[in-house]
C-alpha atoms as a PDB file:
ATOM      1  CA  MET A   1      63.773 -73.504 -10.381  1.00  0.00           C
ATOM      2  CA  ALA A   2      60.488 -75.127 -11.455  1.00  0.00           C
ATOM      3  CA  ARG A   3      57.805 -71.825 -12.071  1.00  0.00           C
ATOM      4  CA  ALA A   4      54.100 -71.892 -13.421  1.00  0.00           C
ATOM      5  CA  VAL A   5      54.453 -69.975 -16.801  1.00  0.00           C
ATOM      6  CA  GLY A   6      50.808 -68.845 -17.536  1.00  0.00           C
ATOM      7  CA  ILE A   7      47.269 -69.620 -16.744  1.00  0.00           C
ATOM      8  CA  GLY A   8      46.126 -73.178 -17.473  1.00  0.00           C
ATOM      9  CA  GLY A   9      42.500 -72.575 -17.369  1.00  0.00           C
ATOM     10  CA  ILE A  10      39.833 -70.462 -15.679  1.00  0.00           C
ATOM     11  CA  PHE A  11      36.847 -72.955 -13.914  1.00  0.00           C
ATOM     12  CA  LEU A  12      33.473 -71.057 -12.172  1.00  0.00           C
ATOM     13  CA  LYS A  13      30.554 -73.131 -10.720  1.00  0.00           C
ATOM     14  CA  ALA A  14      27.864 -72.673 -12.351  1.00  0.00           C
ATOM     15  CA  ARG A  15      23.661 -73.843 -12.049  1.00  0.00           C
ATOM     16  CA  ASN A  16      23.902 -74.315 -15.217  1.00  0.00           C
ATOM     17  CA  PRO A  17      27.401 -75.478 -16.987  1.00  0.00           C
ATOM     18  CA  GLU A  18      26.353 -76.330 -20.515  1.00  0.00           C
ATOM     19  CA  GLY A  19      24.302 -73.040 -21.116  1.00  0.00           C
ATOM     20  CA  LEU A  20      26.589 -70.868 -19.717  1.00  0.00           C
ATOM     21  CA  SER A  21      29.481 -72.330 -21.802  1.00  0.00           C
ATOM     22  CA  ALA A  22      27.107 -71.867 -24.900  1.00  0.00           C
ATOM     23  CA  TRP A  23      26.915 -68.132 -23.395  1.00  0.00           C
ATOM     24  CA  TYR A  24      30.267 -67.695 -23.758  1.00  0.00           C
ATOM     25  CA  ALA A  25      30.757 -69.742 -27.049  1.00  0.00           C
ATOM     26  CA  THR A  26      27.953 -67.158 -28.868  1.00  0.00           C
ATOM     27  CA  HIS A  27      28.907 -63.961 -27.247  1.00  0.00           C
ATOM     28  CA  LEU A  28      32.657 -63.875 -26.857  1.00  0.00           C
ATOM     29  CA  GLY A  29      33.338 -66.583 -29.670  1.00  0.00           C
ATOM     30  CA  ILE A  30      35.202 -68.806 -27.162  1.00  0.00           C
ATOM     31  CA  ALA A  31      34.339 -72.096 -29.423  1.00  0.00           C
ATOM     32  CA  LEU A  32      33.128 -75.263 -27.301  1.00  0.00           C
ATOM     33  CA  GLN A  33      35.755 -78.400 -27.828  1.00  0.00           C
ATOM     34  CA  ASP A  34      34.668 -82.055 -27.020  1.00  0.00           C
ATOM     35  CA  GLY A  35      34.592 -82.859 -23.386  1.00  0.00           C
ATOM     36  CA  GLY A  36      32.443 -79.174 -22.857  1.00  0.00           C
ATOM     37  CA  SER A  37      35.670 -77.483 -22.071  1.00  0.00           C
ATOM     38  CA  LEU A  38      36.270 -74.208 -23.722  1.00  0.00           C
ATOM     39  CA  ALA A  39      39.088 -72.718 -26.374  1.00  0.00           C
ATOM     40  CA  PHE A  40      39.801 -69.447 -27.835  1.00  0.00           C
ATOM     41  CA  ASN A  41      40.844 -70.244 -31.169  1.00  0.00           C
ATOM     42  CA  SER A  42      38.514 -72.183 -33.162  1.00  0.00           C
ATOM     43  CA  PRO A  43      39.888 -75.146 -35.217  1.00  0.00           C
ATOM     44  CA  GLU A  44      40.259 -73.334 -38.578  1.00  0.00           C
ATOM     45  CA  SER A  45      42.531 -70.399 -36.937  1.00  0.00           C
ATOM     46  CA  ASP A  46      45.341 -70.358 -35.968  1.00  0.00           C
ATOM     47  CA  PRO A  47      46.523 -69.686 -32.581  1.00  0.00           C
ATOM     48  CA  GLU A  48      46.799 -66.137 -31.218  1.00  0.00           C
ATOM     49  CA  PRO A  49      49.645 -64.770 -29.373  1.00  0.00           C
ATOM     50  CA  ALA A  50      49.682 -65.397 -25.499  1.00  0.00           C
ATOM     51  CA  GLY A  51      49.983 -61.765 -24.533  1.00  0.00           C
ATOM     52  CA  MET A  52      49.975 -60.871 -20.721  1.00  0.00           C
ATOM     53  CA  THR A  53      48.229 -62.624 -18.353  1.00  0.00           C
ATOM     54  CA  VAL A  54      48.073 -61.181 -14.996  1.00  0.00           C
ATOM     55  CA  PHE A  55      46.931 -62.624 -11.763  1.00  0.00           C
ATOM     56  CA  ALA A  56      45.944 -60.082  -9.139  1.00  0.00           C
ATOM     57  CA  HIS A  57      44.505 -60.406  -5.346  1.00  0.00           C
ATOM     58  CA  PHE A  58      41.890 -58.178  -4.178  1.00  0.00           C
ATOM     59  CA  PRO A  59      40.795 -57.137  -0.659  1.00  0.00           C
ATOM     60  CA  LEU A  60      37.575 -58.966   0.380  1.00  0.00           C
ATOM     61  CA  ASP A  61      35.961 -55.561   0.341  1.00  0.00           C
ATOM     62  CA  THR A  62      36.283 -54.846  -3.369  1.00  0.00           C
ATOM     63  CA  SER A  63      33.432 -53.401  -5.030  1.00  0.00           C
ATOM     64  CA  TYR A  64      35.624 -54.082  -8.144  1.00  0.00           C
ATOM     65  CA  PHE A  65      34.041 -57.296  -9.234  1.00  0.00           C
ATOM     66  CA  GLY A  66      30.769 -55.741  -8.992  1.00  0.00           C
ATOM     67  CA  GLU A  67      28.263 -56.017  -6.144  1.00  0.00           C
ATOM     68  CA  GLY A  68      27.228 -59.666  -4.575  1.00  0.00           C
ATOM     69  CA  GLU A  69      29.636 -62.359  -3.159  1.00  0.00           C
ATOM     70  CA  GLN A  70      31.228 -63.054  -6.277  1.00  0.00           C
ATOM     71  CA  GLN A  71      34.484 -64.361  -5.133  1.00  0.00           C
ATOM     72  CA  SER A  72      36.445 -64.290  -8.270  1.00  0.00           C
ATOM     73  CA  MET A  73      36.706 -62.255 -11.599  1.00  0.00           C
ATOM     74  CA  VAL A  74      37.648 -63.692 -14.995  1.00  0.00           C
ATOM     75  CA  ASN A  75      39.513 -60.902 -17.624  1.00  0.00           C
ATOM     76  CA  PHE A  76      38.766 -61.754 -21.497  1.00  0.00           C
ATOM     77  CA  ARG A  77      42.055 -60.191 -23.879  1.00  0.00           C
ATOM     78  CA  VAL A  78      39.633 -58.877 -27.178  1.00  0.00           C
ATOM     79  CA  ASP A  79      40.421 -57.753 -30.635  1.00  0.00           C
ATOM     80  CA  ASP A  80      37.556 -55.188 -30.658  1.00  0.00           C
ATOM     81  CA  LEU A  81      36.190 -53.584 -27.485  1.00  0.00           C
ATOM     82  CA  ASP A  82      33.512 -51.380 -29.294  1.00  0.00           C
ATOM     83  CA  GLN A  83      32.882 -53.777 -32.139  1.00  0.00           C
ATOM     84  CA  LEU A  84      32.016 -56.850 -29.316  1.00  0.00           C
ATOM     85  CA  LEU A  85      30.384 -54.094 -27.040  1.00  0.00           C
ATOM     86  CA  ALA A  86      27.743 -53.361 -29.739  1.00  0.00           C
ATOM     87  CA  GLN A  87      27.256 -57.118 -30.544  1.00  0.00           C
ATOM     88  CA  LEU A  88      26.724 -57.643 -26.532  1.00  0.00           C
ATOM     89  CA  THR A  89      24.279 -54.901 -26.905  1.00  0.00           C
ATOM     90  CA  ALA A  90      22.459 -56.188 -29.951  1.00  0.00           C
ATOM     91  CA  ALA A  91      22.111 -59.555 -27.997  1.00  0.00           C
ATOM     92  CA  GLY A  92      20.663 -57.916 -25.058  1.00  0.00           C
ATOM     93  CA  VAL A  93      23.824 -59.062 -22.601  1.00  0.00           C
ATOM     94  CA  ARG A  94      24.105 -56.467 -19.275  1.00  0.00           C
ATOM     95  CA  ILE A  95      27.067 -54.224 -20.083  1.00  0.00           C
ATOM     96  CA  ASP A  96      27.939 -51.401 -17.079  1.00  0.00           C
ATOM     97  CA  PRO A  97      28.354 -48.295 -18.498  1.00  0.00           C
ATOM     98  CA  HIS A  98      31.118 -47.459 -17.298  1.00  0.00           C
ATOM     99  CA  ARG A  99      34.664 -47.494 -19.251  1.00  0.00           C
ATOM    100  CA  GLU A 100      38.797 -47.210 -17.801  1.00  0.00           C
ATOM    101  CA  ASP A 101      41.366 -46.607 -20.471  1.00  0.00           C
ATOM    102  CA  TYR A 102      45.127 -46.123 -19.987  1.00  0.00           C
ATOM    103  CA  THR A 103      48.521 -46.441 -21.838  1.00  0.00           C
ATOM    104  CA  TYR A 104      48.238 -50.454 -21.132  1.00  0.00           C
ATOM    105  CA  GLY A 105      44.428 -50.903 -22.567  1.00  0.00           C
ATOM    106  CA  ARG A 106      41.234 -50.356 -22.467  1.00  0.00           C
ATOM    107  CA  PHE A 107      38.482 -52.018 -20.072  1.00  0.00           C
ATOM    108  CA  ALA A 108      34.334 -52.598 -19.918  1.00  0.00           C
ATOM    109  CA  TRP A 109      32.647 -54.972 -18.044  1.00  0.00           C
ATOM    110  CA  ILE A 110      29.753 -57.006 -18.618  1.00  0.00           C
ATOM    111  CA  TRP A 111      27.424 -59.998 -16.701  1.00  0.00           C
ATOM    112  CA  ASP A 112      27.063 -63.582 -18.088  1.00  0.00           C
ATOM    113  CA  PRO A 113      23.433 -64.811 -17.334  1.00  0.00           C
ATOM    114  CA  GLU A 114      24.530 -66.396 -14.094  1.00  0.00           C
ATOM    115  CA  GLY A 115      25.377 -63.226 -12.544  1.00  0.00           C
ATOM    116  CA  ASN A 116      29.034 -63.050 -13.046  1.00  0.00           C
ATOM    117  CA  ARG A 117      30.707 -59.902 -13.466  1.00  0.00           C
ATOM    118  CA  VAL A 118      33.452 -60.422 -16.511  1.00  0.00           C
ATOM    119  CA  GLU A 119      35.697 -57.886 -17.644  1.00  0.00           C
ATOM    120  CA  LEU A 120      37.193 -57.424 -21.287  1.00  0.00           C
ATOM    121  CA  TRP A 121      40.188 -55.599 -21.941  1.00  0.00           C
ATOM    122  CA  GLU A 122      41.139 -54.262 -25.277  1.00  0.00           C
ATOM    123  CA  PRO A 123      45.657 -53.971 -24.662  1.00  0.00           C
ATOM    124  CA  PRO A 124      46.766 -51.099 -27.459  1.00  0.00           C
ATOM    125  CA  ALA A 125      47.535 -51.421 -31.087  1.00  0.00           C
ATOM    126  CA  GLU A 126      50.650 -52.913 -31.553  1.00  0.00           C
ATOM    127  CA  LYS A 127      53.395 -50.332 -32.963  1.00  0.00           C
END
């Protein structure tokens, strides 16, 4: 049986698509490619391992995505949560002070310039 094997893309509406793409490239290291799409690996790097991808549904009244009418939230795997949060703080990015730590990783949340709440996840170090 044919089946889906992973996430092929994440698409968000934006008032300023080019500016928002540039923000993600600058602050999260997601490189802009020809045509305005984003890629997680820069041309000079080797591809990173795919890792785990979660597809989940939340109730309509969830507060997990933050305040407001946000209908979706992107979760990015990151390689060093503390360093990234320090960089984002220095750049003036809005950061939720709440953190969560589990056996499967550490979590933090930020907002992009258009008000989208974004989850950052650092998986545990491989043993």
